[in-house]
Amino acid sequence: CLYGVTSCPERQRQELQQSKADKKRVRQLEKELRRKDKALA
């Protein structure tokens, strides 16, 4: 309920922060995957 009543800009800011954190984690995982692929090759 509280999330539903948060203001639109505040919700967008929270979603943007979460999106940035997710993208950073994806980049880290992709970098680790490339390193492991090279080691396996």
All heavy atoms as atom14 arrays in JSON, in Angstrom:
{
  "sequence": "CLYGVTSCPERQRQELQQSKADKKRVRQLEKELRRKDKALA",
  "atom14_mask": [
    [1, 1, 1, 1, 1, 1, 0, 0, 0, 0, 0, 0, 0, 0],
    [1, 1, 1, 1, 1, 1, 1, 1, 0, 0, 0, 0, 0, 0],
    [1, 1, 1, 1, 1, 1, 1, 1, 1, 1, 1, 1, 0, 0],
    [1, 1, 1, 1, 0, 0, 0, 0, 0, 0, 0, 0, 0, 0],
    [1, 1, 1, 1, 1, 1, 1, 0, 0, 0, 0, 0, 0, 0],
    [1, 1, 1, 1, 1, 1, 1, 0, 0, 0, 0, 0, 0, 0],
    [1, 1, 1, 1, 1, 1, 0, 0, 0, 0, 0, 0, 0, 0],
    [1, 1, 1, 1, 1, 1, 0, 0, 0, 0, 0, 0, 0, 0],
    [1, 1, 1, 1, 1, 1, 1, 0, 0, 0, 0, 0, 0, 0],
    [1, 1, 1, 1, 1, 1, 1, 1, 1, 0, 0, 0, 0, 0],
    [1, 1, 1, 1, 1, 1, 1, 1, 1, 1, 1, 0, 0, 0],
    [1, 1, 1, 1, 1, 1, 1, 1, 1, 0, 0, 0, 0, 0],
    [1, 1, 1, 1, 1, 1, 1, 1, 1, 1, 1, 0, 0, 0],
    [1, 1, 1, 1, 1, 1, 1, 1, 1, 0, 0, 0, 0, 0],
    [1, 1, 1, 1, 1, 1, 1, 1, 1, 0, 0, 0, 0, 0],
    [1, 1, 1, 1, 1, 1, 1, 1, 0, 0, 0, 0, 0, 0],
    [1, 1, 1, 1, 1, 1, 1, 1, 1, 0, 0, 0, 0, 0],
    [1, 1, 1, 1, 1, 1, 1, 1, 1, 0, 0, 0, 0, 0],
    [1, 1, 1, 1, 1, 1, 0, 0, 0, 0, 0, 0, 0, 0],
    [1, 1, 1, 1, 1, 1, 1, 1, 1, 0, 0, 0, 0, 0],
    [1, 1, 1, 1, 1, 0, 0, 0, 0, 0, 0, 0, 0, 0],
    [1, 1, 1, 1, 1, 1, 1, 1, 0, 0, 0, 0, 0, 0],
    [1, 1, 1, 1, 1, 1, 1, 1, 1, 0, 0, 0, 0, 0],
    [1, 1, 1, 1, 1, 1, 1, 1, 1, 0, 0, 0, 0, 0],
    [1, 1, 1, 1, 1, 1, 1, 1, 1, 1, 1, 0, 0, 0],
    [1, 1, 1, 1, 1, 1, 1, 0, 0, 0, 0, 0, 0, 0],
    [1, 1, 1, 1, 1, 1, 1, 1, 1, 1, 1, 0, 0, 0],
    [1, 1, 1, 1, 1, 1, 1, 1, 1, 0, 0, 0, 0, 0],
    [1, 1, 1, 1, 1, 1, 1, 1, 0, 0, 0, 0, 0, 0],
    [1, 1, 1, 1, 1, 1, 1, 1, 1, 0, 0, 0, 0, 0],
    [1, 1, 1, 1, 1, 1, 1, 1, 1, 0, 0, 0, 0, 0],
    [1, 1, 1, 1, 1, 1, 1, 1, 1, 0, 0, 0, 0, 0],
    [1, 1, 1, 1, 1, 1, 1, 1, 0, 0, 0, 0, 0, 0],
    [1, 1, 1, 1, 1, 1, 1, 1, 1, 1, 1, 0, 0, 0],
    [1, 1, 1, 1, 1, 1, 1, 1, 1, 1, 1, 0, 0, 0],
    [1, 1, 1, 1, 1, 1, 1, 1, 1, 0, 0, 0, 0, 0],
    [1, 1, 1, 1, 1, 1, 1, 1, 0, 0, 0, 0, 0, 0],
    [1, 1, 1, 1, 1, 1, 1, 1, 1, 0, 0, 0, 0, 0],
    [1, 1, 1, 1, 1, 0, 0, 0, 0, 0, 0, 0, 0, 0],
    [1, 1, 1, 1, 1, 1, 1, 1, 0, 0, 0, 0, 0, 0],
    [1, 1, 1, 1, 1, 0, 0, 0, 0, 0, 0, 0, 0, 0]
  ],
  "atom14_positions": [
    [[0.84, -1.21, 0.0], [0.0, 0.0, 0.0], [0.86, 1.25, 0.0], [0.6, 2.2, -0.73], [-0.93, 0.01, 1.21], [-2.21, -1.25, 1.16], [0.0, 0.0, 0.0], [0.0, 0.0, 0.0], [0.0, 0.0, 0.0], [0.0, 0.0, 0.0], [0.0, 0.0, 0.0], [0.0, 0.0, 0.0], [0.0, 0.0, 0.0], [0.0, 0.0, 0.0]],
    [[1.89, 1.25, 0.83], [2.78, 2.41, 0.9], [3.52, 2.61, -0.41], [3.71, 3.73, -0.86], [3.77, 2.26, 2.06], [3.16, 2.33, 3.46], [4.22, 2.05, 4.51], [2.5, 3.67, 3.69], [0.0, 0.0, 0.0], [0.0, 0.0, 0.0], [0.0, 0.0, 0.0], [0.0, 0.0, 0.0], [0.0, 0.0, 0.0], [0.0, 0.0, 0.0]],
    [[3.92, 1.51, -1.04], [4.6, 1.63, -2.32], [3.67, 2.2, -3.37], [4.06, 3.01, -4.21], [5.13, 0.27, -2.78], [5.83, 0.33, -4.12], [7.1, 0.87, -4.23], [5.2, -0.12, -5.27], [7.74, 0.96, -5.45], [5.83, -0.04, -6.5], [7.11, 0.49, -6.58], [7.73, 0.57, -7.8], [0.0, 0.0, 0.0], [0.0, 0.0, 0.0]],
    [[2.41, 1.81, -3.27], [1.43, 2.3, -4.24], [1.15, 3.78, -4.13], [0.78, 4.42, -5.1], [0.0, 0.0, 0.0], [0.0, 0.0, 0.0], [0.0, 0.0, 0.0], [0.0, 0.0, 0.0], [0.0, 0.0, 0.0], [0.0, 0.0, 0.0], [0.0, 0.0, 0.0], [0.0, 0.0, 0.0], [0.0, 0.0, 0.0], [0.0, 0.0, 0.0]],
    [[1.34, 4.34, -2.94], [1.05, 5.76, -2.77], [2.3, 6.63, -2.83], [2.19, 7.85, -2.69], [0.3, 6.05, -1.44], [-1.04, 5.38, -1.43], [1.13, 5.63, -0.24], [0.0, 0.0, 0.0], [0.0, 0.0, 0.0], [0.0, 0.0, 0.0], [0.0, 0.0, 0.0], [0.0, 0.0, 0.0], [0.0, 0.0, 0.0], [0.0, 0.0, 0.0]],
    [[3.46, 6.02, -3.04], [4.65, 6.87, -3.2], [4.5, 7.68, -4.47], [3.9, 7.23, -5.44], [5.95, 6.03, -3.28], [5.84, 5.09, -4.34], [6.25, 5.33, -1.98], [0.0, 0.0, 0.0], [0.0, 0.0, 0.0], [0.0, 0.0, 0.0], [0.0, 0.0, 0.0], [0.0, 0.0, 0.0], [0.0, 0.0, 0.0], [0.0, 0.0, 0.0]],
    [[5.06, 8.86, -4.43], [4.91, 9.75, -5.58], [5.6, 9.17, -6.79], [6.57, 8.41, -6.69], [5.48, 11.13, -5.26], [6.89, 11.03, -5.08], [0.0, 0.0, 0.0], [0.0, 0.0, 0.0], [0.0, 0.0, 0.0], [0.0, 0.0, 0.0], [0.0, 0.0, 0.0], [0.0, 0.0, 0.0], [0.0, 0.0, 0.0], [0.0, 0.0, 0.0]],
    [[5.13, 9.55, -7.94], [5.66, 9.02, -9.19], [7.15, 9.32, -9.34], [7.91, 8.42, -9.67], [4.85, 9.57, -10.37], [5.23, 8.79, -11.93], [0.0, 0.0, 0.0], [0.0, 0.0, 0.0], [0.0, 0.0, 0.0], [0.0, 0.0, 0.0], [0.0, 0.0, 0.0], [0.0, 0.0, 0.0], [0.0, 0.0, 0.0], [0.0, 0.0, 0.0]],
    [[7.62, 10.55, -9.1], [9.06, 10.8, -9.22], [9.89, 9.98, -8.24], [10.96, 9.48, -8.58], [9.19, 12.29, -8.91], [7.86, 12.87, -9.2], [6.87, 11.78, -8.89], [0.0, 0.0, 0.0], [0.0, 0.0, 0.0], [0.0, 0.0, 0.0], [0.0, 0.0, 0.0], [0.0, 0.0, 0.0], [0.0, 0.0, 0.0], [0.0, 0.0, 0.0]],
    [[9.37, 9.82, -7.02], [10.09, 9.02, -6.03], [10.18, 7.56, -6.46], [11.22, 6.92, -6.37], [9.39, 9.12, -4.68], [10.11, 8.41, -3.56], [9.38, 8.56, -2.24], [8.64, 9.55, -2.07], [9.56, 7.69, -1.39], [0.0, 0.0, 0.0], [0.0, 0.0, 0.0], [0.0, 0.0, 0.0], [0.0, 0.0, 0.0], [0.0, 0.0, 0.0]],
    [[9.09, 7.03, -6.97], [9.06, 5.64, -7.44], [10.0, 5.47, -8.63], [10.72, 4.49, -8.73], [7.63, 5.25, -7.84], [7.48, 3.77, -8.09], [6.07, 3.35, -8.42], [5.08, 3.94, -7.53], [3.88, 4.3, -7.91], [3.5, 4.15, -9.16], [3.02, 4.82, -7.06], [0.0, 0.0, 0.0], [0.0, 0.0, 0.0], [0.0, 0.0, 0.0]],
    [[9.99, 6.45, -9.55], [10.89, 6.38, -10.7], [12.34, 6.41, -10.26], [13.18, 5.71, -10.81], [10.61, 7.55, -11.66], [9.32, 7.4, -12.43], [9.0, 8.61, -13.28], [9.56, 9.68, -13.08], [8.08, 8.44, -14.22], [0.0, 0.0, 0.0], [0.0, 0.0, 0.0], [0.0, 0.0, 0.0], [0.0, 0.0, 0.0], [0.0, 0.0, 0.0]],
    [[12.65, 7.22, -9.24], [14.01, 7.3, -8.73], [14.43, 5.96, -8.13], [15.53, 5.47, -8.38], [14.12, 8.41, -7.68], [15.54, 8.65, -7.18], [15.64, 9.81, -6.21], [14.56, 9.95, -5.26], [14.45, 9.24, -4.12], [15.35, 8.34, -3.81], [13.43, 9.44, -3.31], [0.0, 0.0, 0.0], [0.0, 0.0, 0.0], [0.0, 0.0, 0.0]],
    [[13.53, 5.33, -7.38], [13.83, 4.03, -6.79], [14.05, 2.98, -7.88], [14.97, 2.17, -7.79], [12.7, 3.59, -5.87], [12.6, 4.38, -4.59], [11.36, 4.01, -3.78], [10.47, 3.32, -4.27], [11.3, 4.5, -2.55], [0.0, 0.0, 0.0], [0.0, 0.0, 0.0], [0.0, 0.0, 0.0], [0.0, 0.0, 0.0], [0.0, 0.0, 0.0]],
    [[13.2, 3.0, -8.9], [13.33, 2.04, -9.98], [14.61, 2.28, -10.77], [15.26, 1.33, -11.21], [12.11, 2.12, -10.9], [10.85, 1.57, -10.26], [9.6, 1.83, -11.08], [9.68, 2.51, -12.13], [8.53, 1.36, -10.67], [0.0, 0.0, 0.0], [0.0, 0.0, 0.0], [0.0, 0.0, 0.0], [0.0, 0.0, 0.0], [0.0, 0.0, 0.0]],
    [[15.01, 3.53, -10.95], [16.24, 3.87, -11.65], [17.45, 3.36, -10.87], [18.37, 2.78, -11.46], [16.34, 5.38, -11.87], [17.56, 5.88, -12.64], [17.56, 5.31, -14.05], [17.58, 7.4, -12.68], [0.0, 0.0, 0.0], [0.0, 0.0, 0.0], [0.0, 0.0, 0.0], [0.0, 0.0, 0.0], [0.0, 0.0, 0.0], [0.0, 0.0, 0.0]],
    [[17.44, 3.55, -9.56], [18.53, 3.05, -8.73], [18.62, 1.54, -8.81], [19.71, 0.97, -8.93], [18.35, 3.49, -7.27], [18.6, 4.95, -7.03], [18.27, 5.36, -5.6], [17.63, 4.61, -4.86], [18.71, 6.55, -5.22], [0.0, 0.0, 0.0], [0.0, 0.0, 0.0], [0.0, 0.0, 0.0], [0.0, 0.0, 0.0], [0.0, 0.0, 0.0]],
    [[17.48, 0.88, -8.76], [17.46, -0.58, -8.85], [17.96, -1.03, -10.22], [18.71, -1.99, -10.34], [16.05, -1.11, -8.59], [15.95, -2.62, -8.61], [16.75, -3.27, -7.5], [16.77, -2.78, -6.38], [17.43, -4.35, -7.81], [0.0, 0.0, 0.0], [0.0, 0.0, 0.0], [0.0, 0.0, 0.0], [0.0, 0.0, 0.0], [0.0, 0.0, 0.0]],
    [[17.55, -0.33, -11.27], [17.98, -0.66, -12.62], [19.5, -0.51, -12.76], [20.15, -1.37, -13.36], [17.27, 0.24, -13.63], [17.74, 0.01, -14.93], [0.0, 0.0, 0.0], [0.0, 0.0, 0.0], [0.0, 0.0, 0.0], [0.0, 0.0, 0.0], [0.0, 0.0, 0.0], [0.0, 0.0, 0.0], [0.0, 0.0, 0.0], [0.0, 0.0, 0.0]],
    [[20.06, 0.56, -12.21], [21.5, 0.76, -12.26], [22.24, -0.36, -11.53], [23.24, -0.87, -12.02], [21.88, 2.12, -11.66], [21.57, 3.29, -12.55], [22.0, 4.6, -11.9], [21.67, 5.8, -12.77], [22.08, 7.06, -12.13], [0.0, 0.0, 0.0], [0.0, 0.0, 0.0], [0.0, 0.0, 0.0], [0.0, 0.0, 0.0], [0.0, 0.0, 0.0]],
    [[21.73, -0.72, -10.37], [22.36, -1.8, -9.6], [22.29, -3.12, -10.37], [23.27, -3.88, -10.4], [21.69, -1.93, -8.24], [0.0, 0.0, 0.0], [0.0, 0.0, 0.0], [0.0, 0.0, 0.0], [0.0, 0.0, 0.0], [0.0, 0.0, 0.0], [0.0, 0.0, 0.0], [0.0, 0.0, 0.0], [0.0, 0.0, 0.0], [0.0, 0.0, 0.0]],
    [[21.15, -3.37, -11.02], [20.99, -4.6, -11.8], [21.96, -4.62, -12.98], [22.58, -5.65, -13.27], [19.55, -4.74, -12.29], [18.57, -5.02, -11.17], [19.01, -5.4, -10.06], [17.36, -4.86, -11.4], [0.0, 0.0, 0.0], [0.0, 0.0, 0.0], [0.0, 0.0, 0.0], [0.0, 0.0, 0.0], [0.0, 0.0, 0.0], [0.0, 0.0, 0.0]],
    [[22.08, -3.48, -13.68], [22.98, -3.41, -14.83], [24.43, -3.63, -14.4], [25.19, -4.31, -15.1], [22.83, -2.07, -15.55], [21.56, -1.95, -16.35], [21.44, -0.59, -17.01], [20.1, -0.45, -17.73], [19.96, 0.89, -18.32], [0.0, 0.0, 0.0], [0.0, 0.0, 0.0], [0.0, 0.0, 0.0], [0.0, 0.0, 0.0], [0.0, 0.0, 0.0]],
    [[24.81, -3.05, -13.27], [26.17, -3.21, -12.76], [26.44, -4.69, -12.46], [27.5, -5.23, -12.81], [26.36, -2.37, -11.51], [27.77, -2.39, -10.96], [27.9, -1.47, -9.76], [29.32, -1.49, -9.22], [29.46, -0.6, -8.06], [0.0, 0.0, 0.0], [0.0, 0.0, 0.0], [0.0, 0.0, 0.0], [0.0, 0.0, 0.0], [0.0, 0.0, 0.0]],
    [[25.47, -5.34, -11.83], [25.63, -6.76, -11.5], [25.72, -7.6, -12.77], [26.52, -8.53, -12.86], [24.43, -7.21, -10.64], [24.45, -8.66, -10.28], [25.49, -8.95, -9.25], [25.41, -10.36, -8.88], [26.44, -11.11, -8.61], [27.65, -10.6, -8.6], [26.27, -12.37, -8.3], [0.0, 0.0, 0.0], [0.0, 0.0, 0.0], [0.0, 0.0, 0.0]],
    [[24.93, -7.28, -13.78], [24.98, -8.02, -15.06], [26.35, -7.85, -15.7], [26.93, -8.82, -16.2], [23.84, -7.54, -16.0], [24.07, -8.03, -17.41], [22.5, -8.01, -15.49], [0.0, 0.0, 0.0], [0.0, 0.0, 0.0], [0.0, 0.0, 0.0], [0.0, 0.0, 0.0], [0.0, 0.0, 0.0], [0.0, 0.0, 0.0], [0.0, 0.0, 0.0]],
    [[26.89, -6.62, -15.7], [28.22, -6.4, -16.27], [29.28, -7.21, -15.54], [30.16, -7.81, -16.17], [28.58, -4.9, -16.22], [27.95, -4.08, -17.34], [28.59, -2.7, -17.48], [28.57, -1.93, -16.25], [27.57, -1.14, -15.86], [26.49, -1.02, -16.61], [27.64, -0.46, -14.72], [0.0, 0.0, 0.0], [0.0, 0.0, 0.0], [0.0, 0.0, 0.0]],
    [[29.2, -7.25, -14.21], [30.15, -8.04, -13.44], [30.05, -9.52, -13.79], [31.08, -10.19, -13.96], [29.91, -7.85, -11.93], [30.3, -6.51, -11.4], [29.88, -6.33, -9.94], [29.03, -7.06, -9.43], [30.48, -5.34, -9.28], [0.0, 0.0, 0.0], [0.0, 0.0, 0.0], [0.0, 0.0, 0.0], [0.0, 0.0, 0.0], [0.0, 0.0, 0.0]],
    [[28.84, -10.02, -13.88], [28.65, -11.44, -14.21], [29.14, -11.76, -15.61], [29.73, -12.82, -15.84], [27.18, -11.82, -14.03], [26.67, -11.84, -12.59], [25.16, -12.04, -12.57], [27.36, -12.91, -11.78], [0.0, 0.0, 0.0], [0.0, 0.0, 0.0], [0.0, 0.0, 0.0], [0.0, 0.0, 0.0], [0.0, 0.0, 0.0], [0.0, 0.0, 0.0]],
    [[28.87, -10.85, -16.58], [29.34, -11.07, -17.94], [30.87, -11.07, -18.0], [31.47, -11.88, -18.71], [28.77, -10.01, -18.88], [27.29, -10.22, -19.18], [26.69, -9.09, -19.99], [27.3, -8.0, -20.08], [25.58, -9.3, -20.53], [0.0, 0.0, 0.0], [0.0, 0.0, 0.0], [0.0, 0.0, 0.0], [0.0, 0.0, 0.0], [0.0, 0.0, 0.0]],
    [[31.51, -10.16, -17.26], [32.97, -10.1, -17.22], [33.53, -11.4, -16.64], [34.49, -11.97, -17.18], [33.4, -8.9, -16.36], [34.89, -8.69, -16.31], [35.22, -7.45, -15.47], [36.71, -7.25, -15.34], [37.01, -6.07, -14.51], [0.0, 0.0, 0.0], [0.0, 0.0, 0.0], [0.0, 0.0, 0.0], [0.0, 0.0, 0.0], [0.0, 0.0, 0.0]],
    [[32.93, -11.88, -15.57], [33.38, -13.13, -14.96], [33.17, -14.3, -15.91], [34.03, -15.19, -16.02], [32.61, -13.36, -13.66], [33.09, -14.55, -12.87], [32.33, -14.71, -11.57], [31.72, -13.74, -11.09], [32.37, -15.82, -11.03], [0.0, 0.0, 0.0], [0.0, 0.0, 0.0], [0.0, 0.0, 0.0], [0.0, 0.0, 0.0], [0.0, 0.0, 0.0]],
    [[32.06, -14.31, -16.64], [31.78, -15.37, -17.59], [32.81, -15.37, -18.72], [33.31, -16.44, -19.12], [30.37, -15.2, -18.16], [29.91, -16.27, -19.15], [29.89, -17.63, -18.49], [28.54, -15.91, -19.72], [0.0, 0.0, 0.0], [0.0, 0.0, 0.0], [0.0, 0.0, 0.0], [0.0, 0.0, 0.0], [0.0, 0.0, 0.0], [0.0, 0.0, 0.0]],
    [[33.16, -14.18, -19.24], [34.19, -14.11, -20.3], [35.53, -14.63, -19.81], [36.22, -15.37, -20.51], [34.32, -12.67, -20.8], [33.22, -12.22, -21.74], [33.55, -10.89, -22.42], [33.75, -9.8, -21.47], [32.78, -9.03, -21.0], [31.54, -9.24, -21.39], [33.04, -8.05, -20.16], [0.0, 0.0, 0.0], [0.0, 0.0, 0.0], [0.0, 0.0, 0.0]],
    [[35.89, -14.26, -18.57], [37.16, -14.73, -18.0], [37.17, -16.25, -17.87], [38.13, -16.92, -18.23], [37.38, -14.09, -16.62], [38.71, -14.45, -15.97], [38.82, -13.9, -14.56], [37.8, -14.38, -13.65], [37.81, -15.58, -13.05], [38.78, -16.43, -13.29], [36.85, -15.92, -12.23], [0.0, 0.0, 0.0], [0.0, 0.0, 0.0], [0.0, 0.0, 0.0]],
    [[36.08, -16.8, -17.41], [36.0, -18.26, -17.25], [35.98, -18.97, -18.6], [36.55, -20.06, -18.75], [34.77, -18.64, -16.42], [34.95, -18.26, -14.96], [33.77, -18.67, -14.12], [33.99, -18.32, -12.66], [32.89, -18.74, -11.82], [0.0, 0.0, 0.0], [0.0, 0.0, 0.0], [0.0, 0.0, 0.0], [0.0, 0.0, 0.0], [0.0, 0.0, 0.0]],
    [[35.31, -18.37, -19.59], [35.31, -18.95, -20.94], [36.73, -19.0, -21.5], [37.13, -20.0, -22.12], [34.41, -18.15, -21.88], [32.94, -18.51, -21.72], [32.66, -19.56, -21.1], [32.09, -17.73, -22.21], [0.0, 0.0, 0.0], [0.0, 0.0, 0.0], [0.0, 0.0, 0.0], [0.0, 0.0, 0.0], [0.0, 0.0, 0.0], [0.0, 0.0, 0.0]],
    [[37.5, -17.92, -21.31], [38.88, -17.88, -21.79], [39.72, -18.94, -21.09], [40.52, -19.63, -21.72], [39.48, -16.5, -21.57], [38.95, -15.44, -22.5], [39.57, -14.08, -22.18], [38.98, -12.99, -23.04], [39.52, -11.66, -22.7], [0.0, 0.0, 0.0], [0.0, 0.0, 0.0], [0.0, 0.0, 0.0], [0.0, 0.0, 0.0], [0.0, 0.0, 0.0]],
    [[39.56, -19.08, -19.78], [40.32, -20.07, -19.03], [39.96, -21.48, -19.49], [40.84, -22.34, -19.65], [40.05, -19.92, -17.54], [0.0, 0.0, 0.0], [0.0, 0.0, 0.0], [0.0, 0.0, 0.0], [0.0, 0.0, 0.0], [0.0, 0.0, 0.0], [0.0, 0.0, 0.0], [0.0, 0.0, 0.0], [0.0, 0.0, 0.0], [0.0, 0.0, 0.0]],
    [[38.69, -21.73, -19.75], [38.25, -23.04, -20.22], [38.81, -23.32, -21.61], [39.27, -24.43, -21.89], [36.72, -23.11, -20.23], [36.1, -24.44, -20.63], [36.51, -25.52, -19.65], [34.59, -24.33, -20.68], [0.0, 0.0, 0.0], [0.0, 0.0, 0.0], [0.0, 0.0, 0.0], [0.0, 0.0, 0.0], [0.0, 0.0, 0.0], [0.0, 0.0, 0.0]],
    [[38.78, -22.33, -22.49], [39.33, -22.51, -23.84], [40.82, -22.79, -23.77], [41.34, -23.64, -24.51], [39.04, -21.27, -24.68], [0.0, 0.0, 0.0], [0.0, 0.0, 0.0], [0.0, 0.0, 0.0], [0.0, 0.0, 0.0], [0.0, 0.0, 0.0], [0.0, 0.0, 0.0], [0.0, 0.0, 0.0], [0.0, 0.0, 0.0], [0.0, 0.0, 0.0]]
  ]
}
